[in-house]
PDB file of N, CA and C in Angstrom:
ATOM      1  N   UNK A   1       0.855  -1.176   0.000  1.00  0.00           N
ATOM      2  CA  UNK A   1       0.000   0.000   0.000  1.00  0.00           C
ATOM      3  C   UNK A   1       0.896   1.232   0.000  1.00  0.00           C
ATOM      4  N   UNK A   2       0.412   2.240  -0.678  1.00  0.00           N
ATOM      5  CA  UNK A   2       1.094   3.536  -0.698  1.00  0.00           C
ATOM      6  C   UNK A   2       0.063   4.622  -0.468  1.00  0.00           C
ATOM      7  N   UNK A   3       0.444   5.668   0.238  1.00  0.00           N
ATOM      8  CA  UNK A   3      -0.431   6.822   0.422  1.00  0.00           C
ATOM      9  C   UNK A   3      -0.379   7.632  -0.857  1.00  0.00           C
ATOM     10  N   UNK A   4      -1.539   7.850  -1.492  1.00  0.00           N
ATOM     11  CA  UNK A   4      -1.554   8.620  -2.739  1.00  0.00           C
ATOM     12  C   UNK A   4      -2.145  10.003  -2.565  1.00  0.00           C
ATOM     13  N   UNK A   5      -2.901  10.219  -1.494  1.00  0.00           N
ATOM     14  CA  UNK A   5      -3.403  11.571  -1.251  1.00  0.00           C
ATOM     15  C   UNK A   5      -3.841  11.718   0.195  1.00  0.00           C
ATOM     16  N   UNK A   6      -3.815  12.961   0.627  1.00  0.00           N
ATOM     17  CA  UNK A   6      -4.350  13.344   1.935  1.00  0.00           C
ATOM     18  C   UNK A   6      -5.237  14.545   1.665  1.00  0.00           C
ATOM     19  N   UNK A   7      -6.536  14.370   1.863  1.00  0.00           N
ATOM     20  CA  UNK A   7      -7.495  15.429   1.564  1.00  0.00           C
ATOM     21  C   UNK A   7      -7.873  16.190   2.825  1.00  0.00           C
ATOM     22  N   UNK A   8      -7.904  17.478   2.727  1.00  0.00           N
ATOM     23  CA  UNK A   8      -8.463  18.354   3.754  1.00  0.00           C
ATOM     24  C   UNK A   8      -7.828  18.170   5.119  1.00  0.00           C
ATOM     25  N   UNK A   9      -6.536  17.954   5.159  1.00  0.00           N
ATOM     26  CA  UNK A   9      -5.875  17.808   6.451  1.00  0.00           C
ATOM     27  C   UNK A   9      -5.716  19.176   7.099  1.00  0.00           C
ATOM     28  N   UNK A  10      -6.117  19.260   8.373  1.00  0.00           N
ATOM     29  CA  UNK A  10      -6.025  20.518   9.114  1.00  0.00           C
ATOM     30  C   UNK A  10      -5.261  20.282  10.411  1.00  0.00           C
ATOM     31  N   UNK A  11      -4.365  21.191  10.726  1.00  0.00           N
ATOM     32  CA  UNK A  11      -3.656  21.150  12.003  1.00  0.00           C
ATOM     33  C   UNK A  11      -4.308  22.186  12.897  1.00  0.00           C
ATOM     34  N   UNK A  12      -4.924  21.746  13.980  1.00  0.00           N
ATOM     35  CA  UNK A  12      -5.713  22.629  14.833  1.00  0.00           C
ATOM     36  C   UNK A  12      -4.921  23.188  16.009  1.00  0.00           C
ATOM     37  N   UNK A  13      -3.931  22.419  16.491  1.00  0.00           N
ATOM     38  CA  UNK A  13      -3.085  22.894  17.587  1.00  0.00           C
ATOM     39  C   UNK A  13      -1.854  22.017  17.668  1.00  0.00           C
ATOM     40  N   UNK A  14      -0.779  22.501  18.265  1.00  0.00           N
ATOM     41  CA  UNK A  14       0.443  21.687  18.371  1.00  0.00           C
ATOM     42  C   UNK A  14       0.320  20.593  19.426  1.00  0.00           C
ATOM     43  N   UNK A  15       1.189  19.606  19.321  1.00  0.00           N
ATOM     44  CA  UNK A  15       1.308  18.540  20.312  1.00  0.00           C
ATOM     45  C   UNK A  15       2.587  18.796  21.087  1.00  0.00           C
ATOM     46  N   UNK A  16       2.499  18.779  22.406  1.00  0.00           N
ATOM     47  CA  UNK A  16       3.668  19.046  23.250  1.00  0.00           C
ATOM     48  C   UNK A  16       4.253  17.742  23.782  1.00  0.00           C
ATOM     49  N   UNK A  17       5.542  17.780  24.117  1.00  0.00           N
ATOM     50  CA  UNK A  17       6.191  16.631  24.742  1.00  0.00           C
ATOM     51  C   UNK A  17       5.444  16.314  26.031  1.00  0.00           C
ATOM     52  N   UNK A  18       5.122  15.047  26.211  1.00  0.00           N
ATOM     53  CA  UNK A  18       4.406  14.616  27.398  1.00  0.00           C
ATOM     54  C   UNK A  18       2.908  14.465  27.200  1.00  0.00           C
ATOM     55  N   UNK A  19       2.362  14.990  26.082  1.00  0.00           N
ATOM     56  CA  UNK A  19       0.941  14.816  25.803  1.00  0.00           C
ATOM     57  C   UNK A  19       0.644  13.356  25.463  1.00  0.00           C
ATOM     58  N   UNK A  20      -0.512  12.874  25.860  1.00  0.00           N
ATOM     59  CA  UNK A  20      -0.992  11.547  25.472  1.00  0.00           C
ATOM     60  C   UNK A  20      -1.673  11.690  24.114  1.00  0.00           C
ATOM     61  N   UNK A  21      -1.233  10.909  23.127  1.00  0.00           N
ATOM     62  CA  UNK A  21      -1.735  11.024  21.757  1.00  0.00           C
ATOM     63  C   UNK A  21      -2.563   9.788  21.411  1.00  0.00           C
ATOM     64  N   UNK A  22      -3.764  10.010  20.863  1.00  0.00           N
ATOM     65  CA  UNK A  22      -4.638   8.917  20.424  1.00  0.00           C
ATOM     66  C   UNK A  22      -5.018   9.150  18.967  1.00  0.00           C
ATOM     67  N   UNK A  23      -4.948   8.090  18.154  1.00  0.00           N
ATOM     68  CA  UNK A  23      -5.336   8.159  16.743  1.00  0.00           C
ATOM     69  C   UNK A  23      -6.572   7.295  16.536  1.00  0.00           C
ATOM     70  N   UNK A  24      -7.561   7.859  15.853  1.00  0.00           N
ATOM     71  CA  UNK A  24      -8.807   7.147  15.562  1.00  0.00           C
ATOM     72  C   UNK A  24      -8.997   7.116  14.055  1.00  0.00           C
ATOM     73  N   UNK A  25      -9.279   5.948  13.539  1.00  0.00           N
ATOM     74  CA  UNK A  25      -9.414   5.756  12.092  1.00  0.00           C
ATOM     75  C   UNK A  25     -10.750   5.096  11.773  1.00  0.00           C
ATOM     76  N   UNK A  26     -11.326   5.501  10.646  1.00  0.00           N
ATOM     77  CA  UNK A  26     -12.573   4.892  10.185  1.00  0.00           C
ATOM     78  C   UNK A  26     -12.515   4.750   8.671  1.00  0.00           C
ATOM     79  N   UNK A  27     -12.896   3.589   8.188  1.00  0.00           N
ATOM     80  CA  UNK A  27     -12.941   3.361   6.752  1.00  0.00           C
ATOM     81  C   UNK A  27     -14.035   4.238   6.144  1.00  0.00           C
ATOM     82  N   UNK A  28     -13.652   5.053   5.175  1.00  0.00           N
ATOM     83  CA  UNK A  28     -14.610   5.954   4.544  1.00  0.00           C
ATOM     84  C   UNK A  28     -14.996   5.475   3.144  1.00  0.00           C
ATOM     85  N   UNK A  29     -14.063   4.831   2.458  1.00  0.00           N
ATOM     86  CA  UNK A  29     -14.337   4.335   1.104  1.00  0.00           C
ATOM     87  C   UNK A  29     -13.527   3.064   0.884  1.00  0.00           C
ATOM     88  N   UNK A  30     -14.146   2.070   0.269  1.00  0.00           N
ATOM     89  CA  UNK A  30     -13.501   0.781   0.027  1.00  0.00           C
ATOM     90  C   UNK A  30     -13.630   0.449  -1.450  1.00  0.00           C
ATOM     91  N   UNK A  31     -12.572   0.681  -2.218  1.00  0.00           N
ATOM     92  CA  UNK A  31     -12.586   0.418  -3.655  1.00  0.00           C
ATOM     93  C   UNK A  31     -11.850  -0.868  -3.989  1.00  0.00           C
ATOM     94  N   UNK A  32     -11.790  -1.187  -5.276  1.00  0.00           N
ATOM     95  CA  UNK A  32     -11.117  -2.417  -5.707  1.00  0.00           C
ATOM     96  C   UNK A  32      -9.606  -2.346  -5.533  1.00  0.00           C
ATOM     97  N   UNK A  33      -9.032  -1.173  -5.710  1.00  0.00           N
ATOM     98  CA  UNK A  33      -7.580  -1.023  -5.585  1.00  0.00           C
ATOM     99  C   UNK A  33      -7.176  -0.057  -4.475  1.00  0.00           C
ATOM    100  N   UNK A  34      -8.137   0.605  -3.855  1.00  0.00           N
ATOM    101  CA  UNK A  34      -7.784   1.637  -2.878  1.00  0.00           C
ATOM    102  C   UNK A  34      -8.712   1.648  -1.666  1.00  0.00           C
ATOM    103  N   UNK A  35      -8.246   2.329  -0.632  1.00  0.00           N
ATOM    104  CA  UNK A  35      -9.009   2.541   0.587  1.00  0.00           C
ATOM    105  C   UNK A  35      -8.959   4.025   0.932  1.00  0.00           C
ATOM    106  N   UNK A  36     -10.063   4.574   1.391  1.00  0.00           N
ATOM    107  CA  UNK A  36     -10.089   5.923   1.935  1.00  0.00           C
ATOM    108  C   UNK A  36     -10.327   5.818   3.431  1.00  0.00           C
ATOM    109  N   UNK A  37      -9.436   6.401   4.219  1.00  0.00           N
ATOM    110  CA  UNK A  37      -9.508   6.281   5.671  1.00  0.00           C
ATOM    111  C   UNK A  37      -9.541   7.672   6.297  1.00  0.00           C
ATOM    112  N   UNK A  38     -10.546   7.945   7.110  1.00  0.00           N
ATOM    113  CA  UNK A  38     -10.607   9.204   7.858  1.00  0.00           C
ATOM    114  C   UNK A  38      -9.823   8.996   9.144  1.00  0.00           C
ATOM    115  N   UNK A  39      -8.861   9.877   9.392  1.00  0.00           N
ATOM    116  CA  UNK A  39      -8.004   9.770  10.572  1.00  0.00           C
ATOM    117  C   UNK A  39      -8.119  11.047  11.392  1.00  0.00           C
ATOM    118  N   UNK A  40      -8.347  10.878  12.691  1.00  0.00           N
ATOM    119  CA  UNK A  40      -8.358  11.989  13.636  1.00  0.00           C
ATOM    120  C   UNK A  40      -7.308  11.709  14.705  1.00  0.00           C
ATOM    121  N   UNK A  41      -6.601  12.748  15.125  1.00  0.00           N
ATOM    122  CA  UNK A  41      -5.628  12.633  16.208  1.00  0.00           C
ATOM    123  C   UNK A  41      -6.065  13.562  17.337  1.00  0.00           C
ATOM    124  N   UNK A  42      -6.146  12.995  18.520  1.00  0.00           N
ATOM    125  CA  UNK A  42      -6.561  13.731  19.719  1.00  0.00           C
ATOM    126  C   UNK A  42      -5.451  13.655  20.747  1.00  0.00           C
ATOM    127  N   UNK A  43      -5.371  14.667  21.604  1.00  0.00           N
ATOM    128  CA  UNK A  43      -4.398  14.640  22.693  1.00  0.00           C
ATOM    129  C   UNK A  43      -5.094  14.932  24.013  1.00  0.00           C
ATOM    130  N   UNK A  44      -4.472  14.451  25.057  1.00  0.00           N
ATOM    131  CA  UNK A  44      -4.824  14.854  26.422  1.00  0.00           C
ATOM    132  C   UNK A  44      -3.511  15.389  26.982  1.00  0.00           C
ATOM    133  N   UNK A  45      -3.522  16.636  27.432  1.00  0.00           N
ATOM    134  CA  UNK A  45      -2.257  17.215  27.892  1.00  0.00           C
ATOM    135  C   UNK A  45      -1.787  16.543  29.170  1.00  0.00           C
ATOM    136  N   UNK A  46      -0.546  16.790  29.533  1.00  0.00           N
ATOM    137  CA  UNK A  46       0.085  16.075  30.653  1.00  0.00           C
ATOM    138  C   UNK A  46      -0.575  16.352  31.999  1.00  0.00           C
ATOM    139  N   UNK A  47      -1.426  17.397  32.059  1.00  0.00           N
ATOM    140  CA  UNK A  47      -2.128  17.672  33.322  1.00  0.00           C
ATOM    141  C   UNK A  47      -3.421  16.869  33.427  1.00  0.00           C
ATOM    142  N   UNK A  48      -3.778  16.113  32.348  1.00  0.00           N
ATOM    143  CA  UNK A  48      -4.987  15.292  32.371  1.00  0.00           C
ATOM    144  C   UNK A  48      -6.243  16.050  32.003  1.00  0.00           C
ATOM    145  N   UNK A  49      -6.085  17.168  31.303  1.00  0.00           N
ATOM    146  CA  UNK A  49      -7.242  17.957  30.889  1.00  0.00           C
ATOM    147  C   UNK A  49      -8.118  17.218  29.896  1.00  0.00           C
ATOM    148  N   UNK A  50      -9.170  17.879  29.455  1.00  0.00           N
ATOM    149  CA  UNK A  50     -10.089  17.287  28.487  1.00  0.00           C
ATOM    150  C   UNK A  50      -9.373  17.029  27.164  1.00  0.00           C
ATOM    151  N   UNK A  51      -9.713  15.920  26.477  1.00  0.00           N
ATOM    152  CA  UNK A  51      -9.115  15.642  25.168  1.00  0.00           C
ATOM    153  C   UNK A  51      -9.434  16.754  24.169  1.00  0.00           C
ATOM    154  N   UNK A  52      -8.481  17.026  23.273  1.00  0.00           N
ATOM    155  CA  UNK A  52      -8.662  18.025  22.219  1.00  0.00           C
ATOM    156  C   UNK A  52      -8.196  17.438  20.895  1.00  0.00           C
ATOM    157  N   UNK A  53      -8.967  17.686  19.836  1.00  0.00           N
ATOM    158  CA  UNK A  53      -8.573  17.228  18.502  1.00  0.00           C
ATOM    159  C   UNK A  53      -7.444  18.130  18.007  1.00  0.00           C
ATOM    160  N   UNK A  54      -6.364  17.513  17.481  1.00  0.00           N
ATOM    161  CA  UNK A  54      -5.241  18.312  16.997  1.00  0.00           C
ATOM    162  C   UNK A  54      -5.101  18.276  15.485  1.00  0.00           C
ATOM    163  N   UNK A  55      -5.590  17.227  14.837  1.00  0.00           N
ATOM    164  CA  UNK A  55      -5.549  17.173  13.375  1.00  0.00           C
ATOM    165  C   UNK A  55      -6.536  16.135  12.877  1.00  0.00           C
ATOM    166  N   UNK A  56      -6.900  16.267  11.613  1.00  0.00           N
ATOM    167  CA  UNK A  56      -7.790  15.306  10.969  1.00  0.00           C
ATOM    168  C   UNK A  56      -7.542  15.354   9.471  1.00  0.00           C
ATOM    169  N   UNK A  57      -7.895  14.285   8.796  1.00  0.00           N
ATOM    170  CA  UNK A  57      -7.757  14.250   7.350  1.00  0.00           C
ATOM    171  C   UNK A  57      -8.289  12.947   6.796  1.00  0.00           C
ATOM    172  N   UNK A  58      -8.455  12.921   5.481  1.00  0.00           N
ATOM    173  CA  UNK A  58      -8.862  11.706   4.783  1.00  0.00           C
ATOM    174  C   UNK A  58      -7.664  11.251   3.943  1.00  0.00           C
ATOM    175  N   UNK A  59      -7.180  10.058   4.250  1.00  0.00           N
ATOM    176  CA  UNK A  59      -6.010   9.499   3.579  1.00  0.00           C
ATOM    177  C   UNK A  59      -6.468   8.437   2.587  1.00  0.00           C
ATOM    178  N   UNK A  60      -5.928   8.459   1.377  1.00  0.00           N
ATOM    179  CA  UNK A  60      -6.243   7.445   0.370  1.00  0.00           C
ATOM    180  C   UNK A  60      -5.002   6.603   0.139  1.00  0.00           C
ATOM    181  N   UNK A  61      -5.177   5.292   0.270  1.00  0.00           N
ATOM    182  CA  UNK A  61      -4.099   4.329   0.086  1.00  0.00           C
ATOM    183  C   UNK A  61      -4.425   3.440  -1.115  1.00  0.00           C
ATOM    184  N   UNK A  62      -3.404   3.121  -1.914  1.00  0.00           N
ATOM    185  CA  UNK A  62      -3.590   2.261  -3.081  1.00  0.00           C
ATOM    186  C   UNK A  62      -2.691   1.038  -2.955  1.00  0.00           C
ATOM    187  N   UNK A  63      -3.247  -0.136  -3.262  1.00  0.00           N
ATOM    188  CA  UNK A  63      -2.469  -1.375  -3.281  1.00  0.00           C
ATOM    189  C   UNK A  63      -1.589  -1.371  -4.518  1.00  0.00           C
ATOM    190  N   UNK A  64      -0.299  -1.712  -4.344  1.00  0.00           N
ATOM    191  CA  UNK A  64       0.652  -1.705  -5.459  1.00  0.00           C
ATOM    192  C   UNK A  64       1.216  -3.097  -5.692  1.00  0.00           C
ATOM    193  N   UNK A  65       1.529  -3.381  -6.979  1.00  0.00           N
ATOM    194  CA  UNK A  65       2.208  -4.634  -7.294  1.00  0.00           C
ATOM    195  C   UNK A  65       3.722  -4.415  -7.196  1.00  0.00           C
ATOM    196  N   UNK A  66       4.508  -5.425  -7.563  1.00  0.00           N
ATOM    197  CA  UNK A  66       5.969  -5.336  -7.465  1.00  0.00           C
ATOM    198  C   UNK A  66       6.564  -4.273  -8.380  1.00  0.00           C
ATOM    199  N   UNK A  67       5.822  -3.846  -9.390  1.00  0.00           N
ATOM    200  CA  UNK A  67       6.303  -2.821 -10.319  1.00  0.00           C
ATOM    201  C   UNK A  67       5.781  -1.429  -9.960  1.00  0.00           C
ATOM    202  N   UNK A  68       5.088  -1.329  -8.835  1.00  0.00           N
ATOM    203  CA  UNK A  68       4.589  -0.040  -8.389  1.00  0.00           C
ATOM    204  C   UNK A  68       3.302   0.406  -9.052  1.00  0.00           C
ATOM    205  N   UNK A  69       2.606  -0.519  -9.689  1.00  0.00           N
ATOM    206  CA  UNK A  69       1.332  -0.191 -10.355  1.00  0.00           C
ATOM    207  C   UNK A  69       0.165  -0.650  -9.482  1.00  0.00           C
ATOM    208  N   UNK A  70      -0.966   0.063  -9.587  1.00  0.00           N
ATOM    209  CA  UNK A  70      -2.137  -0.289  -8.803  1.00  0.00           C
ATOM    210  C   UNK A  70      -2.580  -1.718  -9.123  1.00  0.00           C
ATOM    211  N   UNK A  71      -2.959  -2.433  -8.087  1.00  0.00           N
ATOM    212  CA  UNK A  71      -3.443  -3.808  -8.245  1.00  0.00           C
ATOM    213  C   UNK A  71      -4.678  -3.989  -7.392  1.00  0.00           C
ATOM    214  N   UNK A  72      -5.452  -5.015  -7.706  1.00  0.00           N
ATOM    215  CA  UNK A  72      -6.632  -5.330  -6.903  1.00  0.00           C
ATOM    216  C   UNK A  72      -6.193  -5.824  -5.537  1.00  0.00           C
ATOM    217  N   UNK A  73      -6.908  -5.380  -4.510  1.00  0.00           N
ATOM    218  CA  UNK A  73      -6.603  -5.821  -3.157  1.00  0.00           C
ATOM    219  C   UNK A  73      -7.153  -7.229  -2.959  1.00  0.00           C
ATOM    220  N   UNK A  74      -6.495  -7.991  -2.109  1.00  0.00           N
ATOM    221  CA  UNK A  74      -6.970  -9.351  -1.823  1.00  0.00           C
ATOM    222  C   UNK A  74      -7.549  -9.435  -0.441  1.00  0.00           C
TER     223      UNK A  74
END
């Protein structure tokens, strides 16, 4: 698989050293050769405050053969 695009990615706030980072993913599109995955990243700061979303985006991945060409996923 290779990442071929990232749509509408937004950085909402920085992540600091010591923050707890959580990534949440959901399948958004399932094609014959590709997948679209919505990814959100949330943090909880080191003081244990409320979680805050720091970035989100839709990532598209394509299955590749040995020659780097798109192939059907198995």
